[in-house]
Amino acid sequence: QENRRLMIEGLPKAGFDRIAPPDG
């Protein structure tokens, strides 16, 4: 859960901004 939050926040900041939050 925490890793998901970090990825959703961190990937766009790292330049990978075309993502959708995973359900599972």
PDBML (XML) file of the C-alpha atoms, coordinates in Angstrom:
<?xml version="1.0" encoding="UTF-8" ?>
<PDBx:datablock datablockName="MODEL"
   xmlns:PDBx="http://pdbml.pdb.org/schema/pdbx-v50.xsd"
   xmlns:xsi="http://www.w3.org/2001/XMLSchema-instance"
   xsi:schemaLocation="http://pdbml.pdb.org/schema/pdbx-v50.xsd pdbx-v50.xsd">
   <PDBx:atom_siteCategory>
      <PDBx:atom_site id="1">
         <PDBx:B_iso_or_equiv>0.00</PDBx:B_iso_or_equiv>
         <PDBx:Cartn_x>0.000</PDBx:Cartn_x>
         <PDBx:Cartn_y>0.000</PDBx:Cartn_y>
         <PDBx:Cartn_z>0.000</PDBx:Cartn_z>
         <PDBx:auth_asym_id>A</PDBx:auth_asym_id>
         <PDBx:auth_atom_id>CA</PDBx:auth_atom_id>
         <PDBx:auth_comp_id>GLN</PDBx:auth_comp_id>
         <PDBx:auth_seq_id>1</PDBx:auth_seq_id>
         <PDBx:group_PDB>ATOM</PDBx:group_PDB>
         <PDBx:label_alt_id xsi:nil="true" />
         <PDBx:label_asym_id>A</PDBx:label_asym_id>
         <PDBx:label_atom_id>CA</PDBx:label_atom_id>
         <PDBx:label_comp_id>GLN</PDBx:label_comp_id>
         <PDBx:label_entity_id>1</PDBx:label_entity_id>
         <PDBx:label_seq_id>1</PDBx:label_seq_id>
         <PDBx:occupancy>1.00</PDBx:occupancy>
         <PDBx:pdbx_PDB_model_num>1</PDBx:pdbx_PDB_model_num>
         <PDBx:type_symbol>C</PDBx:type_symbol>
      </PDBx:atom_site>
      <PDBx:atom_site id="2">
         <PDBx:B_iso_or_equiv>0.00</PDBx:B_iso_or_equiv>
         <PDBx:Cartn_x>2.781</PDBx:Cartn_x>
         <PDBx:Cartn_y>2.416</PDBx:Cartn_y>
         <PDBx:Cartn_z>0.920</PDBx:Cartn_z>
         <PDBx:auth_asym_id>A</PDBx:auth_asym_id>
         <PDBx:auth_atom_id>CA</PDBx:auth_atom_id>
         <PDBx:auth_comp_id>GLU</PDBx:auth_comp_id>
         <PDBx:auth_seq_id>2</PDBx:auth_seq_id>
         <PDBx:group_PDB>ATOM</PDBx:group_PDB>
         <PDBx:label_alt_id xsi:nil="true" />
         <PDBx:label_asym_id>A</PDBx:label_asym_id>
         <PDBx:label_atom_id>CA</PDBx:label_atom_id>
         <PDBx:label_comp_id>GLU</PDBx:label_comp_id>
         <PDBx:label_entity_id>1</PDBx:label_entity_id>
         <PDBx:label_seq_id>2</PDBx:label_seq_id>
         <PDBx:occupancy>1.00</PDBx:occupancy>
         <PDBx:pdbx_PDB_model_num>1</PDBx:pdbx_PDB_model_num>
         <PDBx:type_symbol>C</PDBx:type_symbol>
      </PDBx:atom_site>
      <PDBx:atom_site id="3">
         <PDBx:B_iso_or_equiv>0.00</PDBx:B_iso_or_equiv>
         <PDBx:Cartn_x>4.856</PDBx:Cartn_x>
         <PDBx:Cartn_y>1.433</PDBx:Cartn_y>
         <PDBx:Cartn_z>-2.111</PDBx:Cartn_z>
         <PDBx:auth_asym_id>A</PDBx:auth_asym_id>
         <PDBx:auth_atom_id>CA</PDBx:auth_atom_id>
         <PDBx:auth_comp_id>ASN</PDBx:auth_comp_id>
         <PDBx:auth_seq_id>3</PDBx:auth_seq_id>
         <PDBx:group_PDB>ATOM</PDBx:group_PDB>
         <PDBx:label_alt_id xsi:nil="true" />
         <PDBx:label_asym_id>A</PDBx:label_asym_id>
         <PDBx:label_atom_id>CA</PDBx:label_atom_id>
         <PDBx:label_comp_id>ASN</PDBx:label_comp_id>
         <PDBx:label_entity_id>1</PDBx:label_entity_id>
         <PDBx:label_seq_id>3</PDBx:label_seq_id>
         <PDBx:occupancy>1.00</PDBx:occupancy>
         <PDBx:pdbx_PDB_model_num>1</PDBx:pdbx_PDB_model_num>
         <PDBx:type_symbol>C</PDBx:type_symbol>
      </PDBx:atom_site>
      <PDBx:atom_site id="4">
         <PDBx:B_iso_or_equiv>0.00</PDBx:B_iso_or_equiv>
         <PDBx:Cartn_x>1.870</PDBx:Cartn_x>
         <PDBx:Cartn_y>2.024</PDBx:Cartn_y>
         <PDBx:Cartn_z>-4.372</PDBx:Cartn_z>
         <PDBx:auth_asym_id>A</PDBx:auth_asym_id>
         <PDBx:auth_atom_id>CA</PDBx:auth_atom_id>
         <PDBx:auth_comp_id>ARG</PDBx:auth_comp_id>
         <PDBx:auth_seq_id>4</PDBx:auth_seq_id>
         <PDBx:group_PDB>ATOM</PDBx:group_PDB>
         <PDBx:label_alt_id xsi:nil="true" />
         <PDBx:label_asym_id>A</PDBx:label_asym_id>
         <PDBx:label_atom_id>CA</PDBx:label_atom_id>
         <PDBx:label_comp_id>ARG</PDBx:label_comp_id>
         <PDBx:label_entity_id>1</PDBx:label_entity_id>
         <PDBx:label_seq_id>4</PDBx:label_seq_id>
         <PDBx:occupancy>1.00</PDBx:occupancy>
         <PDBx:pdbx_PDB_model_num>1</PDBx:pdbx_PDB_model_num>
         <PDBx:type_symbol>C</PDBx:type_symbol>
      </PDBx:atom_site>
      <PDBx:atom_site id="5">
         <PDBx:B_iso_or_equiv>0.00</PDBx:B_iso_or_equiv>
         <PDBx:Cartn_x>1.437</PDBx:Cartn_x>
         <PDBx:Cartn_y>5.512</PDBx:Cartn_y>
         <PDBx:Cartn_z>-2.925</PDBx:Cartn_z>
         <PDBx:auth_asym_id>A</PDBx:auth_asym_id>
         <PDBx:auth_atom_id>CA</PDBx:auth_atom_id>
         <PDBx:auth_comp_id>ARG</PDBx:auth_comp_id>
         <PDBx:auth_seq_id>5</PDBx:auth_seq_id>
         <PDBx:group_PDB>ATOM</PDBx:group_PDB>
         <PDBx:label_alt_id xsi:nil="true" />
         <PDBx:label_asym_id>A</PDBx:label_asym_id>
         <PDBx:label_atom_id>CA</PDBx:label_atom_id>
         <PDBx:label_comp_id>ARG</PDBx:label_comp_id>
         <PDBx:label_entity_id>1</PDBx:label_entity_id>
         <PDBx:label_seq_id>5</PDBx:label_seq_id>
         <PDBx:occupancy>1.00</PDBx:occupancy>
         <PDBx:pdbx_PDB_model_num>1</PDBx:pdbx_PDB_model_num>
         <PDBx:type_symbol>C</PDBx:type_symbol>
      </PDBx:atom_site>
      <PDBx:atom_site id="6">
         <PDBx:B_iso_or_equiv>0.00</PDBx:B_iso_or_equiv>
         <PDBx:Cartn_x>5.118</PDBx:Cartn_x>
         <PDBx:Cartn_y>6.290</PDBx:Cartn_y>
         <PDBx:Cartn_z>-3.474</PDBx:Cartn_z>
         <PDBx:auth_asym_id>A</PDBx:auth_asym_id>
         <PDBx:auth_atom_id>CA</PDBx:auth_atom_id>
         <PDBx:auth_comp_id>LEU</PDBx:auth_comp_id>
         <PDBx:auth_seq_id>6</PDBx:auth_seq_id>
         <PDBx:group_PDB>ATOM</PDBx:group_PDB>
         <PDBx:label_alt_id xsi:nil="true" />
         <PDBx:label_asym_id>A</PDBx:label_asym_id>
         <PDBx:label_atom_id>CA</PDBx:label_atom_id>
         <PDBx:label_comp_id>LEU</PDBx:label_comp_id>
         <PDBx:label_entity_id>1</PDBx:label_entity_id>
         <PDBx:label_seq_id>6</PDBx:label_seq_id>
         <PDBx:occupancy>1.00</PDBx:occupancy>
         <PDBx:pdbx_PDB_model_num>1</PDBx:pdbx_PDB_model_num>
         <PDBx:type_symbol>C</PDBx:type_symbol>
      </PDBx:atom_site>
      <PDBx:atom_site id="7">
         <PDBx:B_iso_or_equiv>0.00</PDBx:B_iso_or_equiv>
         <PDBx:Cartn_x>5.009</PDBx:Cartn_x>
         <PDBx:Cartn_y>5.040</PDBx:Cartn_y>
         <PDBx:Cartn_z>-7.077</PDBx:Cartn_z>
         <PDBx:auth_asym_id>A</PDBx:auth_asym_id>
         <PDBx:auth_atom_id>CA</PDBx:auth_atom_id>
         <PDBx:auth_comp_id>MET</PDBx:auth_comp_id>
         <PDBx:auth_seq_id>7</PDBx:auth_seq_id>
         <PDBx:group_PDB>ATOM</PDBx:group_PDB>
         <PDBx:label_alt_id xsi:nil="true" />
         <PDBx:label_asym_id>A</PDBx:label_asym_id>
         <PDBx:label_atom_id>CA</PDBx:label_atom_id>
         <PDBx:label_comp_id>MET</PDBx:label_comp_id>
         <PDBx:label_entity_id>1</PDBx:label_entity_id>
         <PDBx:label_seq_id>7</PDBx:label_seq_id>
         <PDBx:occupancy>1.00</PDBx:occupancy>
         <PDBx:pdbx_PDB_model_num>1</PDBx:pdbx_PDB_model_num>
         <PDBx:type_symbol>C</PDBx:type_symbol>
      </PDBx:atom_site>
      <PDBx:atom_site id="8">
         <PDBx:B_iso_or_equiv>0.00</PDBx:B_iso_or_equiv>
         <PDBx:Cartn_x>1.871</PDBx:Cartn_x>
         <PDBx:Cartn_y>6.976</PDBx:Cartn_y>
         <PDBx:Cartn_z>-7.974</PDBx:Cartn_z>
         <PDBx:auth_asym_id>A</PDBx:auth_asym_id>
         <PDBx:auth_atom_id>CA</PDBx:auth_atom_id>
         <PDBx:auth_comp_id>ILE</PDBx:auth_comp_id>
         <PDBx:auth_seq_id>8</PDBx:auth_seq_id>
         <PDBx:group_PDB>ATOM</PDBx:group_PDB>
         <PDBx:label_alt_id xsi:nil="true" />
         <PDBx:label_asym_id>A</PDBx:label_asym_id>
         <PDBx:label_atom_id>CA</PDBx:label_atom_id>
         <PDBx:label_comp_id>ILE</PDBx:label_comp_id>
         <PDBx:label_entity_id>1</PDBx:label_entity_id>
         <PDBx:label_seq_id>8</PDBx:label_seq_id>
         <PDBx:occupancy>1.00</PDBx:occupancy>
         <PDBx:pdbx_PDB_model_num>1</PDBx:pdbx_PDB_model_num>
         <PDBx:type_symbol>C</PDBx:type_symbol>
      </PDBx:atom_site>
      <PDBx:atom_site id="9">
         <PDBx:B_iso_or_equiv>0.00</PDBx:B_iso_or_equiv>
         <PDBx:Cartn_x>3.449</PDBx:Cartn_x>
         <PDBx:Cartn_y>10.129</PDBx:Cartn_y>
         <PDBx:Cartn_z>-6.586</PDBx:Cartn_z>
         <PDBx:auth_asym_id>A</PDBx:auth_asym_id>
         <PDBx:auth_atom_id>CA</PDBx:auth_atom_id>
         <PDBx:auth_comp_id>GLU</PDBx:auth_comp_id>
         <PDBx:auth_seq_id>9</PDBx:auth_seq_id>
         <PDBx:group_PDB>ATOM</PDBx:group_PDB>
         <PDBx:label_alt_id xsi:nil="true" />
         <PDBx:label_asym_id>A</PDBx:label_asym_id>
         <PDBx:label_atom_id>CA</PDBx:label_atom_id>
         <PDBx:label_comp_id>GLU</PDBx:label_comp_id>
         <PDBx:label_entity_id>1</PDBx:label_entity_id>
         <PDBx:label_seq_id>9</PDBx:label_seq_id>
         <PDBx:occupancy>1.00</PDBx:occupancy>
         <PDBx:pdbx_PDB_model_num>1</PDBx:pdbx_PDB_model_num>
         <PDBx:type_symbol>C</PDBx:type_symbol>
      </PDBx:atom_site>
      <PDBx:atom_site id="10">
         <PDBx:B_iso_or_equiv>0.00</PDBx:B_iso_or_equiv>
         <PDBx:Cartn_x>7.048</PDBx:Cartn_x>
         <PDBx:Cartn_y>9.481</PDBx:Cartn_y>
         <PDBx:Cartn_z>-7.574</PDBx:Cartn_z>
         <PDBx:auth_asym_id>A</PDBx:auth_asym_id>
         <PDBx:auth_atom_id>CA</PDBx:auth_atom_id>
         <PDBx:auth_comp_id>GLY</PDBx:auth_comp_id>
         <PDBx:auth_seq_id>10</PDBx:auth_seq_id>
         <PDBx:group_PDB>ATOM</PDBx:group_PDB>
         <PDBx:label_alt_id xsi:nil="true" />
         <PDBx:label_asym_id>A</PDBx:label_asym_id>
         <PDBx:label_atom_id>CA</PDBx:label_atom_id>
         <PDBx:label_comp_id>GLY</PDBx:label_comp_id>
         <PDBx:label_entity_id>1</PDBx:label_entity_id>
         <PDBx:label_seq_id>10</PDBx:label_seq_id>
         <PDBx:occupancy>1.00</PDBx:occupancy>
         <PDBx:pdbx_PDB_model_num>1</PDBx:pdbx_PDB_model_num>
         <PDBx:type_symbol>C</PDBx:type_symbol>
      </PDBx:atom_site>
      <PDBx:atom_site id="11">
         <PDBx:B_iso_or_equiv>0.00</PDBx:B_iso_or_equiv>
         <PDBx:Cartn_x>6.888</PDBx:Cartn_x>
         <PDBx:Cartn_y>8.130</PDBx:Cartn_y>
         <PDBx:Cartn_z>-11.104</PDBx:Cartn_z>
         <PDBx:auth_asym_id>A</PDBx:auth_asym_id>
         <PDBx:auth_atom_id>CA</PDBx:auth_atom_id>
         <PDBx:auth_comp_id>LEU</PDBx:auth_comp_id>
         <PDBx:auth_seq_id>11</PDBx:auth_seq_id>
         <PDBx:group_PDB>ATOM</PDBx:group_PDB>
         <PDBx:label_alt_id xsi:nil="true" />
         <PDBx:label_asym_id>A</PDBx:label_asym_id>
         <PDBx:label_atom_id>CA</PDBx:label_atom_id>
         <PDBx:label_comp_id>LEU</PDBx:label_comp_id>
         <PDBx:label_entity_id>1</PDBx:label_entity_id>
         <PDBx:label_seq_id>11</PDBx:label_seq_id>
         <PDBx:occupancy>1.00</PDBx:occupancy>
         <PDBx:pdbx_PDB_model_num>1</PDBx:pdbx_PDB_model_num>
         <PDBx:type_symbol>C</PDBx:type_symbol>
      </PDBx:atom_site>
      <PDBx:atom_site id="12">
         <PDBx:B_iso_or_equiv>0.00</PDBx:B_iso_or_equiv>
         <PDBx:Cartn_x>5.339</PDBx:Cartn_x>
         <PDBx:Cartn_y>11.312</PDBx:Cartn_y>
         <PDBx:Cartn_z>-12.587</PDBx:Cartn_z>
         <PDBx:auth_asym_id>A</PDBx:auth_asym_id>
         <PDBx:auth_atom_id>CA</PDBx:auth_atom_id>
         <PDBx:auth_comp_id>PRO</PDBx:auth_comp_id>
         <PDBx:auth_seq_id>12</PDBx:auth_seq_id>
         <PDBx:group_PDB>ATOM</PDBx:group_PDB>
         <PDBx:label_alt_id xsi:nil="true" />
         <PDBx:label_asym_id>A</PDBx:label_asym_id>
         <PDBx:label_atom_id>CA</PDBx:label_atom_id>
         <PDBx:label_comp_id>PRO</PDBx:label_comp_id>
         <PDBx:label_entity_id>1</PDBx:label_entity_id>
         <PDBx:label_seq_id>12</PDBx:label_seq_id>
         <PDBx:occupancy>1.00</PDBx:occupancy>
         <PDBx:pdbx_PDB_model_num>1</PDBx:pdbx_PDB_model_num>
         <PDBx:type_symbol>C</PDBx:type_symbol>
      </PDBx:atom_site>
      <PDBx:atom_site id="13">
         <PDBx:B_iso_or_equiv>0.00</PDBx:B_iso_or_equiv>
         <PDBx:Cartn_x>7.980</PDBx:Cartn_x>
         <PDBx:Cartn_y>13.395</PDBx:Cartn_y>
         <PDBx:Cartn_z>-10.801</PDBx:Cartn_z>
         <PDBx:auth_asym_id>A</PDBx:auth_asym_id>
         <PDBx:auth_atom_id>CA</PDBx:auth_atom_id>
         <PDBx:auth_comp_id>LYS</PDBx:auth_comp_id>
         <PDBx:auth_seq_id>13</PDBx:auth_seq_id>
         <PDBx:group_PDB>ATOM</PDBx:group_PDB>
         <PDBx:label_alt_id xsi:nil="true" />
         <PDBx:label_asym_id>A</PDBx:label_asym_id>
         <PDBx:label_atom_id>CA</PDBx:label_atom_id>
         <PDBx:label_comp_id>LYS</PDBx:label_comp_id>
         <PDBx:label_entity_id>1</PDBx:label_entity_id>
         <PDBx:label_seq_id>13</PDBx:label_seq_id>
         <PDBx:occupancy>1.00</PDBx:occupancy>
         <PDBx:pdbx_PDB_model_num>1</PDBx:pdbx_PDB_model_num>
         <PDBx:type_symbol>C</PDBx:type_symbol>
      </PDBx:atom_site>
      <PDBx:atom_site id="14">
         <PDBx:B_iso_or_equiv>0.00</PDBx:B_iso_or_equiv>
         <PDBx:Cartn_x>10.610</PDBx:Cartn_x>
         <PDBx:Cartn_y>11.127</PDBx:Cartn_y>
         <PDBx:Cartn_z>-12.372</PDBx:Cartn_z>
         <PDBx:auth_asym_id>A</PDBx:auth_asym_id>
         <PDBx:auth_atom_id>CA</PDBx:auth_atom_id>
         <PDBx:auth_comp_id>ALA</PDBx:auth_comp_id>
         <PDBx:auth_seq_id>14</PDBx:auth_seq_id>
         <PDBx:group_PDB>ATOM</PDBx:group_PDB>
         <PDBx:label_alt_id xsi:nil="true" />
         <PDBx:label_asym_id>A</PDBx:label_asym_id>
         <PDBx:label_atom_id>CA</PDBx:label_atom_id>
         <PDBx:label_comp_id>ALA</PDBx:label_comp_id>
         <PDBx:label_entity_id>1</PDBx:label_entity_id>
         <PDBx:label_seq_id>14</PDBx:label_seq_id>
         <PDBx:occupancy>1.00</PDBx:occupancy>
         <PDBx:pdbx_PDB_model_num>1</PDBx:pdbx_PDB_model_num>
         <PDBx:type_symbol>C</PDBx:type_symbol>
      </PDBx:atom_site>
      <PDBx:atom_site id="15">
         <PDBx:B_iso_or_equiv>0.00</PDBx:B_iso_or_equiv>
         <PDBx:Cartn_x>9.170</PDBx:Cartn_x>
         <PDBx:Cartn_y>11.767</PDBx:Cartn_y>
         <PDBx:Cartn_z>-15.831</PDBx:Cartn_z>
         <PDBx:auth_asym_id>A</PDBx:auth_asym_id>
         <PDBx:auth_atom_id>CA</PDBx:auth_atom_id>
         <PDBx:auth_comp_id>GLY</PDBx:auth_comp_id>
         <PDBx:auth_seq_id>15</PDBx:auth_seq_id>
         <PDBx:group_PDB>ATOM</PDBx:group_PDB>
         <PDBx:label_alt_id xsi:nil="true" />
         <PDBx:label_asym_id>A</PDBx:label_asym_id>
         <PDBx:label_atom_id>CA</PDBx:label_atom_id>
         <PDBx:label_comp_id>GLY</PDBx:label_comp_id>
         <PDBx:label_entity_id>1</PDBx:label_entity_id>
         <PDBx:label_seq_id>15</PDBx:label_seq_id>
         <PDBx:occupancy>1.00</PDBx:occupancy>
         <PDBx:pdbx_PDB_model_num>1</PDBx:pdbx_PDB_model_num>
         <PDBx:type_symbol>C</PDBx:type_symbol>
      </PDBx:atom_site>
      <PDBx:atom_site id="16">
         <PDBx:B_iso_or_equiv>0.00</PDBx:B_iso_or_equiv>
         <PDBx:Cartn_x>6.899</PDBx:Cartn_x>
         <PDBx:Cartn_y>8.734</PDBx:Cartn_y>
         <PDBx:Cartn_z>-16.153</PDBx:Cartn_z>
         <PDBx:auth_asym_id>A</PDBx:auth_asym_id>
         <PDBx:auth_atom_id>CA</PDBx:auth_atom_id>
         <PDBx:auth_comp_id>PHE</PDBx:auth_comp_id>
         <PDBx:auth_seq_id>16</PDBx:auth_seq_id>
         <PDBx:group_PDB>ATOM</PDBx:group_PDB>
         <PDBx:label_alt_id xsi:nil="true" />
         <PDBx:label_asym_id>A</PDBx:label_asym_id>
         <PDBx:label_atom_id>CA</PDBx:label_atom_id>
         <PDBx:label_comp_id>PHE</PDBx:label_comp_id>
         <PDBx:label_entity_id>1</PDBx:label_entity_id>
         <PDBx:label_seq_id>16</PDBx:label_seq_id>
         <PDBx:occupancy>1.00</PDBx:occupancy>
         <PDBx:pdbx_PDB_model_num>1</PDBx:pdbx_PDB_model_num>
         <PDBx:type_symbol>C</PDBx:type_symbol>
      </PDBx:atom_site>
      <PDBx:atom_site id="17">
         <PDBx:B_iso_or_equiv>0.00</PDBx:B_iso_or_equiv>
         <PDBx:Cartn_x>3.633</PDBx:Cartn_x>
         <PDBx:Cartn_y>10.654</PDBx:Cartn_y>
         <PDBx:Cartn_z>-16.060</PDBx:Cartn_z>
         <PDBx:auth_asym_id>A</PDBx:auth_asym_id>
         <PDBx:auth_atom_id>CA</PDBx:auth_atom_id>
         <PDBx:auth_comp_id>ASP</PDBx:auth_comp_id>
         <PDBx:auth_seq_id>17</PDBx:auth_seq_id>
         <PDBx:group_PDB>ATOM</PDBx:group_PDB>
         <PDBx:label_alt_id xsi:nil="true" />
         <PDBx:label_asym_id>A</PDBx:label_asym_id>
         <PDBx:label_atom_id>CA</PDBx:label_atom_id>
         <PDBx:label_comp_id>ASP</PDBx:label_comp_id>
         <PDBx:label_entity_id>1</PDBx:label_entity_id>
         <PDBx:label_seq_id>17</PDBx:label_seq_id>
         <PDBx:occupancy>1.00</PDBx:occupancy>
         <PDBx:pdbx_PDB_model_num>1</PDBx:pdbx_PDB_model_num>
         <PDBx:type_symbol>C</PDBx:type_symbol>
      </PDBx:atom_site>
      <PDBx:atom_site id="18">
         <PDBx:B_iso_or_equiv>0.00</PDBx:B_iso_or_equiv>
         <PDBx:Cartn_x>1.459</PDBx:Cartn_x>
         <PDBx:Cartn_y>8.527</PDBx:Cartn_y>
         <PDBx:Cartn_z>-18.322</PDBx:Cartn_z>
         <PDBx:auth_asym_id>A</PDBx:auth_asym_id>
         <PDBx:auth_atom_id>CA</PDBx:auth_atom_id>
         <PDBx:auth_comp_id>ARG</PDBx:auth_comp_id>
         <PDBx:auth_seq_id>18</PDBx:auth_seq_id>
         <PDBx:group_PDB>ATOM</PDBx:group_PDB>
         <PDBx:label_alt_id xsi:nil="true" />
         <PDBx:label_asym_id>A</PDBx:label_asym_id>
         <PDBx:label_atom_id>CA</PDBx:label_atom_id>
         <PDBx:label_comp_id>ARG</PDBx:label_comp_id>
         <PDBx:label_entity_id>1</PDBx:label_entity_id>
         <PDBx:label_seq_id>18</PDBx:label_seq_id>
         <PDBx:occupancy>1.00</PDBx:occupancy>
         <PDBx:pdbx_PDB_model_num>1</PDBx:pdbx_PDB_model_num>
         <PDBx:type_symbol>C</PDBx:type_symbol>
      </PDBx:atom_site>
      <PDBx:atom_site id="19">
         <PDBx:B_iso_or_equiv>0.00</PDBx:B_iso_or_equiv>
         <PDBx:Cartn_x>0.282</PDBx:Cartn_x>
         <PDBx:Cartn_y>6.007</PDBx:Cartn_y>
         <PDBx:Cartn_z>-15.730</PDBx:Cartn_z>
         <PDBx:auth_asym_id>A</PDBx:auth_asym_id>
         <PDBx:auth_atom_id>CA</PDBx:auth_atom_id>
         <PDBx:auth_comp_id>ILE</PDBx:auth_comp_id>
         <PDBx:auth_seq_id>19</PDBx:auth_seq_id>
         <PDBx:group_PDB>ATOM</PDBx:group_PDB>
         <PDBx:label_alt_id xsi:nil="true" />
         <PDBx:label_asym_id>A</PDBx:label_asym_id>
         <PDBx:label_atom_id>CA</PDBx:label_atom_id>
         <PDBx:label_comp_id>ILE</PDBx:label_comp_id>
         <PDBx:label_entity_id>1</PDBx:label_entity_id>
         <PDBx:label_seq_id>19</PDBx:label_seq_id>
         <PDBx:occupancy>1.00</PDBx:occupancy>
         <PDBx:pdbx_PDB_model_num>1</PDBx:pdbx_PDB_model_num>
         <PDBx:type_symbol>C</PDBx:type_symbol>
      </PDBx:atom_site>
      <PDBx:atom_site id="20">
         <PDBx:B_iso_or_equiv>0.00</PDBx:B_iso_or_equiv>
         <PDBx:Cartn_x>-2.985</PDBx:Cartn_x>
         <PDBx:Cartn_y>4.860</PDBx:Cartn_y>
         <PDBx:Cartn_z>-14.182</PDBx:Cartn_z>
         <PDBx:auth_asym_id>A</PDBx:auth_asym_id>
         <PDBx:auth_atom_id>CA</PDBx:auth_atom_id>
         <PDBx:auth_comp_id>ALA</PDBx:auth_comp_id>
         <PDBx:auth_seq_id>20</PDBx:auth_seq_id>
         <PDBx:group_PDB>ATOM</PDBx:group_PDB>
         <PDBx:label_alt_id xsi:nil="true" />
         <PDBx:label_asym_id>A</PDBx:label_asym_id>
         <PDBx:label_atom_id>CA</PDBx:label_atom_id>
         <PDBx:label_comp_id>ALA</PDBx:label_comp_id>
         <PDBx:label_entity_id>1</PDBx:label_entity_id>
         <PDBx:label_seq_id>20</PDBx:label_seq_id>
         <PDBx:occupancy>1.00</PDBx:occupancy>
         <PDBx:pdbx_PDB_model_num>1</PDBx:pdbx_PDB_model_num>
         <PDBx:type_symbol>C</PDBx:type_symbol>
      </PDBx:atom_site>
      <PDBx:atom_site id="21">
         <PDBx:B_iso_or_equiv>0.00</PDBx:B_iso_or_equiv>
         <PDBx:Cartn_x>-3.244</PDBx:Cartn_x>
         <PDBx:Cartn_y>3.896</PDBx:Cartn_y>
         <PDBx:Cartn_z>-10.503</PDBx:Cartn_z>
         <PDBx:auth_asym_id>A</PDBx:auth_asym_id>
         <PDBx:auth_atom_id>CA</PDBx:auth_atom_id>
         <PDBx:auth_comp_id>PRO</PDBx:auth_comp_id>
         <PDBx:auth_seq_id>21</PDBx:auth_seq_id>
         <PDBx:group_PDB>ATOM</PDBx:group_PDB>
         <PDBx:label_alt_id xsi:nil="true" />
         <PDBx:label_asym_id>A</PDBx:label_asym_id>
         <PDBx:label_atom_id>CA</PDBx:label_atom_id>
         <PDBx:label_comp_id>PRO</PDBx:label_comp_id>
         <PDBx:label_entity_id>1</PDBx:label_entity_id>
         <PDBx:label_seq_id>21</PDBx:label_seq_id>
         <PDBx:occupancy>1.00</PDBx:occupancy>
         <PDBx:pdbx_PDB_model_num>1</PDBx:pdbx_PDB_model_num>
         <PDBx:type_symbol>C</PDBx:type_symbol>
      </PDBx:atom_site>
      <PDBx:atom_site id="22">
         <PDBx:B_iso_or_equiv>0.00</PDBx:B_iso_or_equiv>
         <PDBx:Cartn_x>-3.385</PDBx:Cartn_x>
         <PDBx:Cartn_y>0.090</PDBx:Cartn_y>
         <PDBx:Cartn_z>-10.187</PDBx:Cartn_z>
         <PDBx:auth_asym_id>A</PDBx:auth_asym_id>
         <PDBx:auth_atom_id>CA</PDBx:auth_atom_id>
         <PDBx:auth_comp_id>PRO</PDBx:auth_comp_id>
         <PDBx:auth_seq_id>22</PDBx:auth_seq_id>
         <PDBx:group_PDB>ATOM</PDBx:group_PDB>
         <PDBx:label_alt_id xsi:nil="true" />
         <PDBx:label_asym_id>A</PDBx:label_asym_id>
         <PDBx:label_atom_id>CA</PDBx:label_atom_id>
         <PDBx:label_comp_id>PRO</PDBx:label_comp_id>
         <PDBx:label_entity_id>1</PDBx:label_entity_id>
         <PDBx:label_seq_id>22</PDBx:label_seq_id>
         <PDBx:occupancy>1.00</PDBx:occupancy>
         <PDBx:pdbx_PDB_model_num>1</PDBx:pdbx_PDB_model_num>
         <PDBx:type_symbol>C</PDBx:type_symbol>
      </PDBx:atom_site>
      <PDBx:atom_site id="23">
         <PDBx:B_iso_or_equiv>0.00</PDBx:B_iso_or_equiv>
         <PDBx:Cartn_x>-6.433</PDBx:Cartn_x>
         <PDBx:Cartn_y>-1.463</PDBx:Cartn_y>
         <PDBx:Cartn_z>-8.491</PDBx:Cartn_z>
         <PDBx:auth_asym_id>A</PDBx:auth_asym_id>
         <PDBx:auth_atom_id>CA</PDBx:auth_atom_id>
         <PDBx:auth_comp_id>ASP</PDBx:auth_comp_id>
         <PDBx:auth_seq_id>23</PDBx:auth_seq_id>
         <PDBx:group_PDB>ATOM</PDBx:group_PDB>
         <PDBx:label_alt_id xsi:nil="true" />
         <PDBx:label_asym_id>A</PDBx:label_asym_id>
         <PDBx:label_atom_id>CA</PDBx:label_atom_id>
         <PDBx:label_comp_id>ASP</PDBx:label_comp_id>
         <PDBx:label_entity_id>1</PDBx:label_entity_id>
         <PDBx:label_seq_id>23</PDBx:label_seq_id>
         <PDBx:occupancy>1.00</PDBx:occupancy>
         <PDBx:pdbx_PDB_model_num>1</PDBx:pdbx_PDB_model_num>
         <PDBx:type_symbol>C</PDBx:type_symbol>
      </PDBx:atom_site>
      <PDBx:atom_site id="24">
         <PDBx:B_iso_or_equiv>0.00</PDBx:B_iso_or_equiv>
         <PDBx:Cartn_x>-4.460</PDBx:Cartn_x>
         <PDBx:Cartn_y>-4.483</PDBx:Cartn_y>
         <PDBx:Cartn_z>-7.320</PDBx:Cartn_z>
         <PDBx:auth_asym_id>A</PDBx:auth_asym_id>
         <PDBx:auth_atom_id>CA</PDBx:auth_atom_id>
         <PDBx:auth_comp_id>GLY</PDBx:auth_comp_id>
         <PDBx:auth_seq_id>24</PDBx:auth_seq_id>
         <PDBx:group_PDB>ATOM</PDBx:group_PDB>
         <PDBx:label_alt_id xsi:nil="true" />
         <PDBx:label_asym_id>A</PDBx:label_asym_id>
         <PDBx:label_atom_id>CA</PDBx:label_atom_id>
         <PDBx:label_comp_id>GLY</PDBx:label_comp_id>
         <PDBx:label_entity_id>1</PDBx:label_entity_id>
         <PDBx:label_seq_id>24</PDBx:label_seq_id>
         <PDBx:occupancy>1.00</PDBx:occupancy>
         <PDBx:pdbx_PDB_model_num>1</PDBx:pdbx_PDB_model_num>
         <PDBx:type_symbol>C</PDBx:type_symbol>
      </PDBx:atom_site>
   </PDBx:atom_siteCategory>
</PDBx:datablock>
